[in-house]
N, C-alpha and C. Protein backbone atom coordinates (compact mmCIF):
# COMPACT_ATOMS: atom_id res chain seq x y z
N MET A 1 8.32 -14.87 18.26
CA MET A 1 7.10 -14.58 17.52
C MET A 1 7.44 -14.15 16.10
N ARG A 2 6.53 -14.45 15.19
CA ARG A 2 6.73 -14.12 13.78
C ARG A 2 5.93 -12.87 13.44
N ILE A 3 6.62 -11.85 12.95
CA ILE A 3 6.00 -10.58 12.60
C ILE A 3 6.16 -10.36 11.10
N THR A 4 5.04 -10.15 10.42
CA THR A 4 5.09 -9.84 9.00
C THR A 4 5.11 -8.33 8.81
N LEU A 5 6.10 -7.87 8.06
CA LEU A 5 6.21 -6.46 7.71
C LEU A 5 5.82 -6.31 6.24
N ILE A 6 4.85 -5.45 5.97
CA ILE A 6 4.34 -5.29 4.61
C ILE A 6 4.66 -3.87 4.15
N HIS A 7 5.36 -3.78 3.03
CA HIS A 7 5.90 -2.51 2.55
C HIS A 7 5.36 -2.17 1.15
N ALA A 8 5.14 -0.86 0.94
CA ALA A 8 4.84 -0.36 -0.40
C ALA A 8 6.02 0.40 -0.98
N LEU A 9 7.04 0.64 -0.17
CA LEU A 9 8.27 1.30 -0.62
C LEU A 9 9.46 0.51 -0.09
N LYS A 10 10.40 0.21 -0.94
CA LYS A 10 11.57 -0.56 -0.51
C LYS A 10 12.39 0.18 0.53
N HIS A 11 12.28 1.52 0.55
CA HIS A 11 13.07 2.32 1.47
C HIS A 11 12.63 2.15 2.93
N SER A 12 11.48 1.54 3.15
CA SER A 12 10.99 1.36 4.52
C SER A 12 11.63 0.18 5.22
N ILE A 13 12.23 -0.72 4.46
CA ILE A 13 12.69 -1.98 5.06
C ILE A 13 13.84 -1.76 6.04
N VAL A 14 14.86 -1.02 5.64
CA VAL A 14 16.03 -0.84 6.50
C VAL A 14 15.67 -0.14 7.81
N PRO A 15 14.90 0.96 7.82
CA PRO A 15 14.59 1.61 9.09
C PRO A 15 13.82 0.73 10.07
N ILE A 16 12.84 -0.03 9.59
CA ILE A 16 12.06 -0.84 10.53
C ILE A 16 12.86 -2.04 11.01
N GLU A 17 13.69 -2.63 10.15
CA GLU A 17 14.53 -3.72 10.61
C GLU A 17 15.54 -3.24 11.65
N ALA A 18 16.02 -2.02 11.48
CA ALA A 18 16.96 -1.46 12.47
C ALA A 18 16.28 -1.28 13.82
N SER A 19 15.02 -0.84 13.82
CA SER A 19 14.30 -0.67 15.07
C SER A 19 14.06 -2.01 15.76
N PHE A 20 13.68 -3.02 14.99
CA PHE A 20 13.51 -4.35 15.59
C PHE A 20 14.84 -4.87 16.15
N ALA A 21 15.92 -4.68 15.41
CA ALA A 21 17.22 -5.17 15.87
C ALA A 21 17.61 -4.52 17.19
N ARG A 22 17.24 -3.27 17.38
CA ARG A 22 17.61 -2.56 18.60
C ARG A 22 16.64 -2.84 19.75
N LEU A 23 15.33 -2.93 19.44
CA LEU A 23 14.32 -3.00 20.50
C LEU A 23 13.79 -4.40 20.75
N TRP A 24 13.74 -5.23 19.70
CA TRP A 24 13.15 -6.56 19.84
C TRP A 24 13.90 -7.53 18.91
N PRO A 25 15.15 -7.82 19.22
CA PRO A 25 15.95 -8.65 18.32
C PRO A 25 15.48 -10.09 18.22
N ALA A 26 14.70 -10.56 19.19
CA ALA A 26 14.24 -11.95 19.16
C ALA A 26 13.09 -12.18 18.18
N ALA A 27 12.46 -11.10 17.71
CA ALA A 27 11.34 -11.26 16.77
C ALA A 27 11.83 -11.87 15.46
N ARG A 28 11.02 -12.75 14.90
CA ARG A 28 11.32 -13.32 13.58
C ARG A 28 10.54 -12.51 12.55
N LEU A 29 11.25 -11.87 11.65
CA LEU A 29 10.63 -10.95 10.70
C LEU A 29 10.47 -11.58 9.33
N MET A 30 9.35 -11.27 8.69
CA MET A 30 9.13 -11.64 7.30
C MET A 30 8.73 -10.38 6.55
N ASN A 31 9.46 -10.05 5.49
CA ASN A 31 9.18 -8.86 4.69
C ASN A 31 8.39 -9.21 3.43
N LEU A 32 7.30 -8.48 3.23
CA LEU A 32 6.55 -8.55 1.97
C LEU A 32 6.60 -7.17 1.33
N LEU A 33 7.12 -7.09 0.12
CA LEU A 33 7.25 -5.81 -0.59
C LEU A 33 6.47 -5.87 -1.89
N ASP A 34 5.58 -4.91 -2.06
CA ASP A 34 4.91 -4.69 -3.35
C ASP A 34 5.03 -3.20 -3.66
N ASP A 35 6.10 -2.83 -4.38
CA ASP A 35 6.32 -1.41 -4.63
C ASP A 35 5.44 -0.87 -5.75
N SER A 36 4.60 -1.72 -6.33
CA SER A 36 3.61 -1.20 -7.27
C SER A 36 2.44 -0.54 -6.54
N LEU A 37 2.28 -0.81 -5.25
CA LEU A 37 1.17 -0.21 -4.51
C LEU A 37 1.28 1.31 -4.50
N SER A 38 2.46 1.82 -4.18
CA SER A 38 2.62 3.28 -4.12
C SER A 38 2.52 3.89 -5.51
N ALA A 39 3.08 3.21 -6.51
CA ALA A 39 3.00 3.74 -7.88
C ALA A 39 1.56 3.77 -8.36
N ASP A 40 0.78 2.74 -8.05
CA ASP A 40 -0.61 2.70 -8.49
C ASP A 40 -1.46 3.72 -7.74
N LEU A 41 -1.16 3.94 -6.47
CA LEU A 41 -1.90 4.96 -5.72
C LEU A 41 -1.63 6.34 -6.31
N ALA A 42 -0.38 6.63 -6.63
CA ALA A 42 -0.06 7.92 -7.24
C ALA A 42 -0.75 8.07 -8.59
N ARG A 43 -0.83 7.00 -9.35
CA ARG A 43 -1.49 7.04 -10.65
C ARG A 43 -2.99 7.26 -10.52
N ASP A 44 -3.62 6.54 -9.57
CA ASP A 44 -5.08 6.58 -9.44
C ASP A 44 -5.57 7.83 -8.71
N GLY A 45 -4.69 8.44 -7.91
CA GLY A 45 -5.07 9.65 -7.19
C GLY A 45 -5.90 9.42 -5.96
N GLY A 46 -6.08 8.18 -5.55
CA GLY A 46 -6.86 7.89 -4.35
C GLY A 46 -7.01 6.40 -4.17
N LEU A 47 -7.47 6.01 -2.98
CA LEU A 47 -7.66 4.60 -2.68
C LEU A 47 -8.94 4.08 -3.34
N THR A 48 -8.87 2.85 -3.82
CA THR A 48 -10.00 2.23 -4.52
C THR A 48 -10.36 0.91 -3.86
N ASP A 49 -11.52 0.37 -4.23
CA ASP A 49 -11.91 -0.95 -3.74
C ASP A 49 -10.90 -2.01 -4.17
N ALA A 50 -10.38 -1.86 -5.37
CA ALA A 50 -9.39 -2.82 -5.86
C ALA A 50 -8.13 -2.77 -5.00
N MET A 51 -7.72 -1.59 -4.58
CA MET A 51 -6.55 -1.47 -3.72
C MET A 51 -6.81 -2.15 -2.37
N THR A 52 -8.01 -1.95 -1.81
CA THR A 52 -8.34 -2.61 -0.55
C THR A 52 -8.27 -4.12 -0.69
N GLU A 53 -8.74 -4.65 -1.80
CA GLU A 53 -8.67 -6.10 -2.03
C GLU A 53 -7.23 -6.58 -2.09
N ARG A 54 -6.36 -5.79 -2.66
CA ARG A 54 -4.95 -6.18 -2.71
C ARG A 54 -4.38 -6.25 -1.30
N PHE A 55 -4.74 -5.31 -0.46
CA PHE A 55 -4.27 -5.34 0.93
C PHE A 55 -4.85 -6.54 1.68
N LEU A 56 -6.11 -6.83 1.45
CA LEU A 56 -6.72 -8.00 2.10
C LEU A 56 -6.00 -9.28 1.67
N GLY A 57 -5.60 -9.34 0.41
CA GLY A 57 -4.86 -10.50 -0.07
C GLY A 57 -3.50 -10.63 0.62
N LEU A 58 -2.82 -9.51 0.80
CA LEU A 58 -1.54 -9.54 1.51
C LEU A 58 -1.74 -9.98 2.96
N GLY A 59 -2.82 -9.51 3.58
CA GLY A 59 -3.10 -9.91 4.95
C GLY A 59 -3.37 -11.40 5.06
N ARG A 60 -4.15 -11.94 4.13
CA ARG A 60 -4.43 -13.38 4.16
C ARG A 60 -3.16 -14.19 3.98
N TYR A 61 -2.28 -13.72 3.10
CA TYR A 61 -1.02 -14.42 2.89
C TYR A 61 -0.19 -14.44 4.17
N ALA A 62 -0.11 -13.29 4.84
CA ALA A 62 0.67 -13.20 6.07
C ALA A 62 0.11 -14.13 7.14
N VAL A 63 -1.19 -14.12 7.30
CA VAL A 63 -1.82 -15.00 8.30
C VAL A 63 -1.57 -16.46 7.95
N GLY A 64 -1.61 -16.77 6.67
CA GLY A 64 -1.39 -18.15 6.24
C GLY A 64 0.00 -18.67 6.51
N THR A 65 0.96 -17.80 6.71
CA THR A 65 2.32 -18.22 7.02
C THR A 65 2.53 -18.46 8.50
N GLY A 66 1.51 -18.17 9.31
CA GLY A 66 1.63 -18.37 10.75
C GLY A 66 2.08 -17.14 11.50
N SER A 67 1.89 -15.97 10.95
CA SER A 67 2.33 -14.75 11.62
C SER A 67 1.52 -14.49 12.89
N ASP A 68 2.19 -13.91 13.87
CA ASP A 68 1.52 -13.51 15.11
C ASP A 68 1.00 -12.09 15.04
N ALA A 69 1.53 -11.29 14.13
CA ALA A 69 1.10 -9.91 13.98
C ALA A 69 1.55 -9.40 12.63
N ILE A 70 0.89 -8.32 12.17
CA ILE A 70 1.24 -7.67 10.91
C ILE A 70 1.49 -6.21 11.19
N LEU A 71 2.60 -5.71 10.66
CA LEU A 71 2.89 -4.27 10.74
C LEU A 71 3.07 -3.75 9.32
N PHE A 72 2.18 -2.85 8.93
CA PHE A 72 2.30 -2.19 7.64
C PHE A 72 3.21 -0.97 7.80
N THR A 73 4.07 -0.74 6.83
CA THR A 73 4.99 0.40 6.90
C THR A 73 4.64 1.48 5.89
N CYS A 74 3.51 1.35 5.22
CA CYS A 74 3.14 2.27 4.14
C CYS A 74 2.07 3.24 4.66
N SER A 75 2.42 4.50 4.77
CA SER A 75 1.61 5.45 5.52
C SER A 75 0.42 6.02 4.76
N ALA A 76 0.32 5.78 3.48
CA ALA A 76 -0.74 6.41 2.69
C ALA A 76 -1.97 5.52 2.48
N PHE A 77 -2.05 4.39 3.21
CA PHE A 77 -3.07 3.39 2.93
C PHE A 77 -3.91 3.06 4.15
N GLY A 78 -4.17 4.06 5.02
CA GLY A 78 -4.85 3.80 6.28
C GLY A 78 -6.14 3.00 6.17
N PRO A 79 -7.12 3.39 5.34
CA PRO A 79 -8.37 2.64 5.26
C PRO A 79 -8.18 1.20 4.79
N CYS A 80 -7.22 0.96 3.91
CA CYS A 80 -6.96 -0.40 3.46
C CYS A 80 -6.43 -1.25 4.61
N ILE A 81 -5.56 -0.67 5.42
CA ILE A 81 -5.00 -1.40 6.55
C ILE A 81 -6.08 -1.66 7.60
N GLU A 82 -6.97 -0.70 7.81
CA GLU A 82 -8.07 -0.89 8.74
C GLU A 82 -8.95 -2.07 8.31
N ALA A 83 -9.12 -2.24 7.01
CA ALA A 83 -9.90 -3.38 6.51
C ALA A 83 -9.22 -4.71 6.85
N VAL A 84 -7.90 -4.74 6.73
CA VAL A 84 -7.15 -5.94 7.11
C VAL A 84 -7.29 -6.21 8.60
N ALA A 85 -7.21 -5.17 9.40
CA ALA A 85 -7.34 -5.33 10.85
C ALA A 85 -8.71 -5.90 11.22
N ARG A 86 -9.75 -5.41 10.58
CA ARG A 86 -11.09 -5.92 10.86
C ARG A 86 -11.21 -7.39 10.46
N ALA A 87 -10.58 -7.74 9.36
CA ALA A 87 -10.70 -9.11 8.84
C ALA A 87 -10.02 -10.13 9.73
N HIS A 88 -9.00 -9.69 10.48
CA HIS A 88 -8.20 -10.65 11.25
C HIS A 88 -8.19 -10.36 12.75
N ALA A 89 -9.12 -9.52 13.22
CA ALA A 89 -9.22 -9.28 14.66
C ALA A 89 -9.46 -10.61 15.40
N PRO A 90 -8.85 -10.77 16.59
CA PRO A 90 -8.11 -9.80 17.39
C PRO A 90 -6.59 -9.81 17.16
N MET A 91 -6.13 -10.43 16.09
CA MET A 91 -4.70 -10.43 15.81
C MET A 91 -4.22 -8.99 15.63
N PRO A 92 -3.07 -8.63 16.22
CA PRO A 92 -2.57 -7.27 16.05
C PRO A 92 -2.22 -6.96 14.59
N VAL A 93 -2.84 -5.94 14.04
CA VAL A 93 -2.54 -5.43 12.70
C VAL A 93 -2.39 -3.92 12.86
N LEU A 94 -1.17 -3.44 12.70
CA LEU A 94 -0.89 -2.03 12.97
C LEU A 94 -0.70 -1.23 11.70
N LYS A 95 -1.31 -0.04 11.72
CA LYS A 95 -0.94 0.97 10.74
C LYS A 95 0.42 1.53 11.14
N PRO A 96 1.18 2.02 10.18
CA PRO A 96 2.56 2.40 10.49
C PRO A 96 2.69 3.56 11.46
N ASN A 97 1.68 4.43 11.48
CA ASN A 97 1.83 5.69 12.20
C ASN A 97 1.04 5.78 13.50
N GLU A 98 0.22 4.79 13.81
CA GLU A 98 -0.71 4.99 14.91
C GLU A 98 -0.01 5.21 16.25
N ALA A 99 1.10 4.49 16.49
CA ALA A 99 1.82 4.68 17.75
C ALA A 99 2.46 6.06 17.81
N MET A 100 3.04 6.50 16.71
CA MET A 100 3.65 7.83 16.68
C MET A 100 2.60 8.92 16.87
N ILE A 101 1.44 8.75 16.27
CA ILE A 101 0.37 9.73 16.43
C ILE A 101 -0.04 9.85 17.89
N GLU A 102 -0.13 8.72 18.58
CA GLU A 102 -0.48 8.75 20.00
C GLU A 102 0.55 9.57 20.78
N GLN A 103 1.83 9.37 20.48
CA GLN A 103 2.88 10.13 21.15
C GLN A 103 2.80 11.61 20.80
N ALA A 104 2.55 11.91 19.54
CA ALA A 104 2.54 13.30 19.09
C ALA A 104 1.43 14.10 19.75
N VAL A 105 0.23 13.56 19.79
CA VAL A 105 -0.89 14.32 20.36
C VAL A 105 -0.77 14.47 21.87
N ALA A 106 0.02 13.61 22.49
CA ALA A 106 0.25 13.75 23.94
C ALA A 106 1.28 14.83 24.24
N ARG A 107 2.06 15.22 23.23
CA ARG A 107 3.16 16.14 23.46
C ARG A 107 2.97 17.53 22.85
N GLY A 108 2.01 17.69 21.94
CA GLY A 108 1.89 19.00 21.31
C GLY A 108 0.52 19.24 20.73
N ARG A 109 0.21 20.53 20.52
CA ARG A 109 -1.07 20.92 19.92
C ARG A 109 -0.90 21.31 18.46
N ARG A 110 0.26 21.83 18.09
CA ARG A 110 0.54 22.23 16.71
C ARG A 110 1.67 21.33 16.20
N ILE A 111 1.32 20.46 15.28
CA ILE A 111 2.22 19.38 14.87
C ILE A 111 2.55 19.53 13.39
N GLY A 112 3.84 19.62 13.10
CA GLY A 112 4.27 19.60 11.71
C GLY A 112 4.32 18.18 11.19
N LEU A 113 3.71 17.94 10.05
CA LEU A 113 3.67 16.61 9.45
C LEU A 113 4.46 16.65 8.15
N LEU A 114 5.62 16.03 8.15
CA LEU A 114 6.54 16.11 7.03
C LEU A 114 6.53 14.79 6.25
N SER A 115 6.37 14.91 4.93
CA SER A 115 6.28 13.72 4.07
C SER A 115 7.02 13.97 2.77
N THR A 116 7.41 12.87 2.12
CA THR A 116 7.99 12.95 0.78
C THR A 116 7.06 12.36 -0.27
N PHE A 117 5.90 11.83 0.16
CA PHE A 117 4.97 11.13 -0.74
C PHE A 117 3.62 11.85 -0.66
N PRO A 118 3.21 12.58 -1.72
CA PRO A 118 2.01 13.42 -1.62
C PRO A 118 0.75 12.71 -1.11
N PRO A 119 0.44 11.47 -1.53
CA PRO A 119 -0.79 10.85 -1.02
C PRO A 119 -0.83 10.71 0.49
N THR A 120 0.34 10.63 1.13
CA THR A 120 0.36 10.52 2.59
C THR A 120 -0.27 11.75 3.24
N LEU A 121 -0.06 12.92 2.65
CA LEU A 121 -0.59 14.15 3.23
C LEU A 121 -2.10 14.28 3.00
N ALA A 122 -2.67 13.37 2.20
CA ALA A 122 -4.12 13.32 2.05
C ALA A 122 -4.73 12.28 2.98
N SER A 123 -4.06 11.14 3.13
CA SER A 123 -4.65 10.03 3.88
C SER A 123 -4.36 10.06 5.37
N MET A 124 -3.24 10.64 5.76
CA MET A 124 -2.82 10.54 7.17
C MET A 124 -3.47 11.56 8.10
N PRO A 125 -3.71 12.81 7.70
CA PRO A 125 -4.29 13.78 8.64
C PRO A 125 -5.58 13.32 9.33
N PRO A 126 -6.49 12.61 8.65
CA PRO A 126 -7.70 12.18 9.37
C PRO A 126 -7.43 11.22 10.52
N GLU A 127 -6.23 10.65 10.58
CA GLU A 127 -5.89 9.76 11.69
C GLU A 127 -5.58 10.52 12.97
N PHE A 128 -5.35 11.83 12.87
CA PHE A 128 -5.10 12.66 14.05
C PHE A 128 -6.43 13.16 14.62
N PRO A 129 -6.52 13.32 15.93
CA PRO A 129 -7.74 13.90 16.51
C PRO A 129 -7.90 15.36 16.11
N SER A 130 -9.13 15.82 16.10
CA SER A 130 -9.43 17.17 15.61
C SER A 130 -8.89 18.26 16.55
N ARG A 131 -8.54 17.90 17.77
CA ARG A 131 -8.09 18.93 18.72
C ARG A 131 -6.69 19.45 18.42
N VAL A 132 -5.95 18.76 17.55
CA VAL A 132 -4.61 19.23 17.22
C VAL A 132 -4.63 19.98 15.89
N GLU A 133 -3.69 20.88 15.74
CA GLU A 133 -3.53 21.60 14.49
C GLU A 133 -2.36 20.99 13.73
N LEU A 134 -2.65 20.50 12.54
CA LEU A 134 -1.62 19.89 11.71
C LEU A 134 -1.11 20.91 10.69
N VAL A 135 0.20 20.90 10.50
CA VAL A 135 0.81 21.73 9.47
C VAL A 135 1.53 20.79 8.50
N PRO A 136 0.87 20.41 7.41
CA PRO A 136 1.48 19.46 6.49
C PRO A 136 2.55 20.12 5.62
N LYS A 137 3.59 19.36 5.32
CA LYS A 137 4.68 19.86 4.48
C LYS A 137 5.23 18.73 3.63
N LEU A 138 5.32 18.98 2.33
CA LEU A 138 5.88 18.01 1.39
C LEU A 138 7.31 18.40 1.05
N ALA A 139 8.22 17.46 1.20
CA ALA A 139 9.61 17.67 0.76
C ALA A 139 9.70 17.26 -0.70
N GLU A 140 9.46 18.22 -1.58
CA GLU A 140 9.36 17.91 -3.00
C GLU A 140 10.71 17.44 -3.56
N GLY A 141 10.64 16.38 -4.35
CA GLY A 141 11.82 15.84 -5.00
C GLY A 141 12.64 14.89 -4.15
N ALA A 142 12.33 14.80 -2.85
CA ALA A 142 13.16 13.97 -1.97
C ALA A 142 12.99 12.48 -2.27
N LEU A 143 11.75 12.06 -2.47
CA LEU A 143 11.54 10.63 -2.73
C LEU A 143 12.17 10.21 -4.05
N ALA A 144 12.09 11.07 -5.05
CA ALA A 144 12.73 10.76 -6.34
C ALA A 144 14.24 10.61 -6.16
N ALA A 145 14.83 11.45 -5.31
CA ALA A 145 16.26 11.32 -5.04
C ALA A 145 16.58 10.00 -4.37
N LEU A 146 15.73 9.61 -3.43
CA LEU A 146 15.96 8.34 -2.74
C LEU A 146 15.81 7.17 -3.70
N ASP A 147 14.85 7.28 -4.61
CA ASP A 147 14.68 6.23 -5.62
C ASP A 147 15.92 6.09 -6.50
N ARG A 148 16.66 7.17 -6.68
CA ARG A 148 17.90 7.13 -7.45
C ARG A 148 19.09 6.65 -6.62
N GLY A 149 18.84 6.40 -5.34
CA GLY A 149 19.92 5.99 -4.46
C GLY A 149 20.71 7.14 -3.87
N ASP A 150 20.17 8.35 -3.96
CA ASP A 150 20.87 9.54 -3.51
C ASP A 150 20.32 9.97 -2.15
N ARG A 151 20.77 9.30 -1.10
CA ARG A 151 20.29 9.60 0.25
C ARG A 151 20.70 11.01 0.68
N ALA A 152 21.87 11.48 0.28
CA ALA A 152 22.34 12.80 0.69
C ALA A 152 21.40 13.90 0.19
N THR A 153 21.00 13.83 -1.10
CA THR A 153 20.08 14.83 -1.63
C THR A 153 18.72 14.70 -0.97
N HIS A 154 18.26 13.47 -0.76
CA HIS A 154 16.99 13.25 -0.06
C HIS A 154 17.00 13.96 1.29
N ASP A 155 18.04 13.71 2.09
CA ASP A 155 18.08 14.29 3.42
C ASP A 155 18.19 15.81 3.37
N HIS A 156 18.93 16.33 2.40
CA HIS A 156 19.04 17.79 2.25
C HIS A 156 17.68 18.41 1.96
N LEU A 157 16.92 17.82 1.04
CA LEU A 157 15.60 18.35 0.69
C LEU A 157 14.63 18.24 1.86
N VAL A 158 14.74 17.16 2.61
CA VAL A 158 13.88 16.98 3.79
C VAL A 158 14.18 18.05 4.82
N VAL A 159 15.44 18.29 5.08
CA VAL A 159 15.82 19.30 6.07
C VAL A 159 15.37 20.69 5.63
N GLU A 160 15.54 21.02 4.36
CA GLU A 160 15.12 22.33 3.87
C GLU A 160 13.60 22.50 4.00
N ALA A 161 12.85 21.44 3.70
CA ALA A 161 11.39 21.53 3.85
C ALA A 161 11.00 21.69 5.31
N ALA A 162 11.75 21.03 6.20
CA ALA A 162 11.41 21.07 7.62
C ALA A 162 11.60 22.45 8.23
N ARG A 163 12.43 23.28 7.62
CA ARG A 163 12.71 24.60 8.22
C ARG A 163 11.45 25.44 8.35
N SER A 164 10.46 25.22 7.50
CA SER A 164 9.22 25.99 7.57
C SER A 164 8.32 25.54 8.73
N LEU A 165 8.73 24.48 9.44
CA LEU A 165 7.91 23.94 10.53
C LEU A 165 8.46 24.34 11.89
N ARG A 166 9.32 25.35 11.92
CA ARG A 166 9.97 25.75 13.17
C ARG A 166 8.99 26.27 14.21
N ASP A 167 7.82 26.76 13.78
CA ASP A 167 6.87 27.30 14.74
C ASP A 167 5.93 26.24 15.30
N CYS A 168 6.16 24.97 14.96
CA CYS A 168 5.35 23.88 15.49
C CYS A 168 5.90 23.40 16.83
N ASP A 169 5.06 22.76 17.62
CA ASP A 169 5.51 22.20 18.90
C ASP A 169 6.47 21.02 18.67
N LEU A 170 6.22 20.28 17.64
CA LEU A 170 7.07 19.15 17.29
C LEU A 170 6.84 18.80 15.83
N ILE A 171 7.72 17.95 15.29
CA ILE A 171 7.62 17.53 13.89
C ILE A 171 7.50 16.02 13.84
N ALA A 172 6.48 15.54 13.14
CA ALA A 172 6.26 14.11 12.96
C ALA A 172 6.68 13.73 11.54
N LEU A 173 7.58 12.78 11.42
CA LEU A 173 8.02 12.30 10.11
C LEU A 173 7.08 11.18 9.68
N ALA A 174 6.39 11.40 8.58
CA ALA A 174 5.24 10.58 8.23
C ALA A 174 5.59 9.22 7.65
N GLN A 175 6.84 9.02 7.23
CA GLN A 175 7.19 7.75 6.57
C GLN A 175 8.40 7.12 7.22
N TYR A 176 8.46 5.79 7.13
CA TYR A 176 9.59 5.06 7.68
C TYR A 176 10.88 5.47 6.98
N SER A 177 10.80 5.77 5.69
CA SER A 177 12.00 6.12 4.94
C SER A 177 12.62 7.44 5.40
N LEU A 178 11.86 8.23 6.17
CA LEU A 178 12.36 9.51 6.67
C LEU A 178 13.15 9.37 7.97
N ALA A 179 13.03 8.25 8.64
CA ALA A 179 13.62 8.10 9.97
C ALA A 179 15.12 8.41 10.01
N PRO A 180 15.92 7.99 9.02
CA PRO A 180 17.36 8.29 9.11
C PRO A 180 17.68 9.78 9.09
N ALA A 181 16.75 10.61 8.67
CA ALA A 181 17.00 12.06 8.63
C ALA A 181 16.54 12.77 9.89
N ALA A 182 16.07 12.03 10.88
CA ALA A 182 15.46 12.65 12.06
C ALA A 182 16.41 13.58 12.79
N ASP A 183 17.64 13.15 13.02
CA ASP A 183 18.59 13.98 13.77
C ASP A 183 18.89 15.27 13.03
N ALA A 184 19.02 15.19 11.71
CA ALA A 184 19.31 16.40 10.93
C ALA A 184 18.13 17.36 10.96
N VAL A 185 16.91 16.85 10.93
CA VAL A 185 15.72 17.70 11.01
C VAL A 185 15.66 18.38 12.37
N ALA A 186 15.94 17.63 13.43
CA ALA A 186 15.90 18.22 14.77
C ALA A 186 16.95 19.32 14.92
N GLU A 187 18.13 19.08 14.37
CA GLU A 187 19.20 20.08 14.48
C GLU A 187 18.85 21.34 13.71
N ALA A 188 18.24 21.19 12.53
CA ALA A 188 17.94 22.34 11.69
C ALA A 188 16.78 23.17 12.21
N THR A 189 15.85 22.53 12.91
CA THR A 189 14.64 23.22 13.33
C THR A 189 14.60 23.56 14.81
N GLY A 190 15.38 22.84 15.61
CA GLY A 190 15.30 23.02 17.05
C GLY A 190 14.03 22.48 17.66
N ARG A 191 13.31 21.66 16.91
CA ARG A 191 12.05 21.09 17.38
C ARG A 191 12.23 19.60 17.71
N PRO A 192 11.45 19.07 18.66
CA PRO A 192 11.44 17.63 18.86
C PRO A 192 10.93 16.93 17.59
N VAL A 193 11.51 15.79 17.27
CA VAL A 193 11.14 15.05 16.06
C VAL A 193 10.74 13.63 16.44
N LEU A 194 9.58 13.21 15.97
CA LEU A 194 9.11 11.85 16.20
C LEU A 194 9.20 11.05 14.90
N THR A 195 9.65 9.80 15.03
CA THR A 195 9.71 8.90 13.88
C THR A 195 8.79 7.71 14.13
N THR A 196 8.46 7.02 13.06
CA THR A 196 7.47 5.95 13.16
C THR A 196 8.01 4.58 13.55
N PRO A 197 9.21 4.14 13.12
CA PRO A 197 9.58 2.75 13.37
C PRO A 197 9.70 2.36 14.84
N ASP A 198 10.43 3.14 15.64
CA ASP A 198 10.61 2.78 17.04
C ASP A 198 9.28 2.71 17.78
N SER A 199 8.43 3.69 17.58
CA SER A 199 7.15 3.71 18.30
C SER A 199 6.27 2.54 17.88
N ALA A 200 6.33 2.16 16.61
CA ALA A 200 5.53 1.02 16.15
C ALA A 200 5.99 -0.28 16.79
N VAL A 201 7.30 -0.49 16.85
CA VAL A 201 7.82 -1.71 17.48
C VAL A 201 7.43 -1.77 18.95
N GLN A 202 7.57 -0.65 19.64
CA GLN A 202 7.24 -0.61 21.06
C GLN A 202 5.76 -0.93 21.30
N LYS A 203 4.89 -0.38 20.46
CA LYS A 203 3.46 -0.66 20.64
C LYS A 203 3.15 -2.11 20.35
N LEU A 204 3.77 -2.67 19.32
CA LEU A 204 3.54 -4.06 18.97
C LEU A 204 3.98 -4.98 20.11
N MET A 205 5.12 -4.67 20.72
CA MET A 205 5.58 -5.46 21.86
C MET A 205 4.58 -5.43 23.00
N LYS A 206 4.03 -4.27 23.29
CA LYS A 206 3.03 -4.16 24.36
C LYS A 206 1.79 -4.97 24.03
N MET A 207 1.35 -4.90 22.77
CA MET A 207 0.15 -5.63 22.38
C MET A 207 0.32 -7.13 22.51
N LEU A 208 1.55 -7.60 22.29
CA LEU A 208 1.82 -9.04 22.33
C LEU A 208 2.38 -9.49 23.67
N GLY A 209 2.47 -8.57 24.65
CA GLY A 209 2.92 -8.93 25.97
C GLY A 209 4.38 -9.27 26.06
N VAL A 210 5.21 -8.64 25.23
CA VAL A 210 6.64 -8.91 25.23
C VAL A 210 7.33 -7.97 26.21
N GLU A 211 8.16 -8.53 27.07
CA GLU A 211 8.85 -7.71 28.06
C GLU A 211 9.85 -6.77 27.39
N GLY A 212 10.01 -5.62 28.00
CA GLY A 212 10.94 -4.63 27.48
C GLY A 212 10.28 -3.51 26.72
N ALA A 213 8.96 -3.65 26.47
CA ALA A 213 8.25 -2.61 25.71
C ALA A 213 8.14 -1.34 26.55
C-alpha cells in the first residue's frame, strides 16, 4: 500500500520513517514536506482559511498519486487536517496525534503535554476529552537548537522542561521530532512516556486491515 506522509517540519521525517521500518516495512512511503507551513503559522498566530486551502491542496495531490492513506505529522494543524479527512472520506486521513491521545486517555487522568512548538500547545489540547487534566509544557529553545542541527542541546532542553511534569500520570510528546528523546524523558521523570509515530503507524495498519497491527 502507498502511504503519503505530509510534514510541516523536516525533523518529523526520520522518526516516522523509523516507525514504519520497524512496524510496517512493506508500506510504500511518499514524503511531502512544506516547511513554510510551520513558519507561516507562527507568523500568523493562528490557523486561517488560506492555511486550510493549502492543506486541501496537499490532500488532493496525495490522492492524485494513488495513495491509500494520508498521515500528517504536523501536530499544530488539527482543523486543517480534519478538513482534508472530510474531503476524502472514507479514505484514512490521520492527524498525527489521534492514536497517541487514545492511548493517553486510557492510561491516565493527569497528562503532561510536552512540545517544542508553541502553536501546538494551542491547537492540540482541544483534541483531548474534557475528563482529563492536561498540563502543557513548552521546551523553550529546543526547536531552534534542532533547526541548527544540534540534537544534543534539543534533547537536553526537552529533558529539563519535562522535569516539571513529574507529578503527571504520564507524559505525551506532542511532536514527531520529540520521539528520539523519549527514553531520556522517561529516565529523568520516572513517568511513562508516549510518542506519536509508533501509535500512528499501528492505528493506520488497523484501519487498512494490515496484519501485525
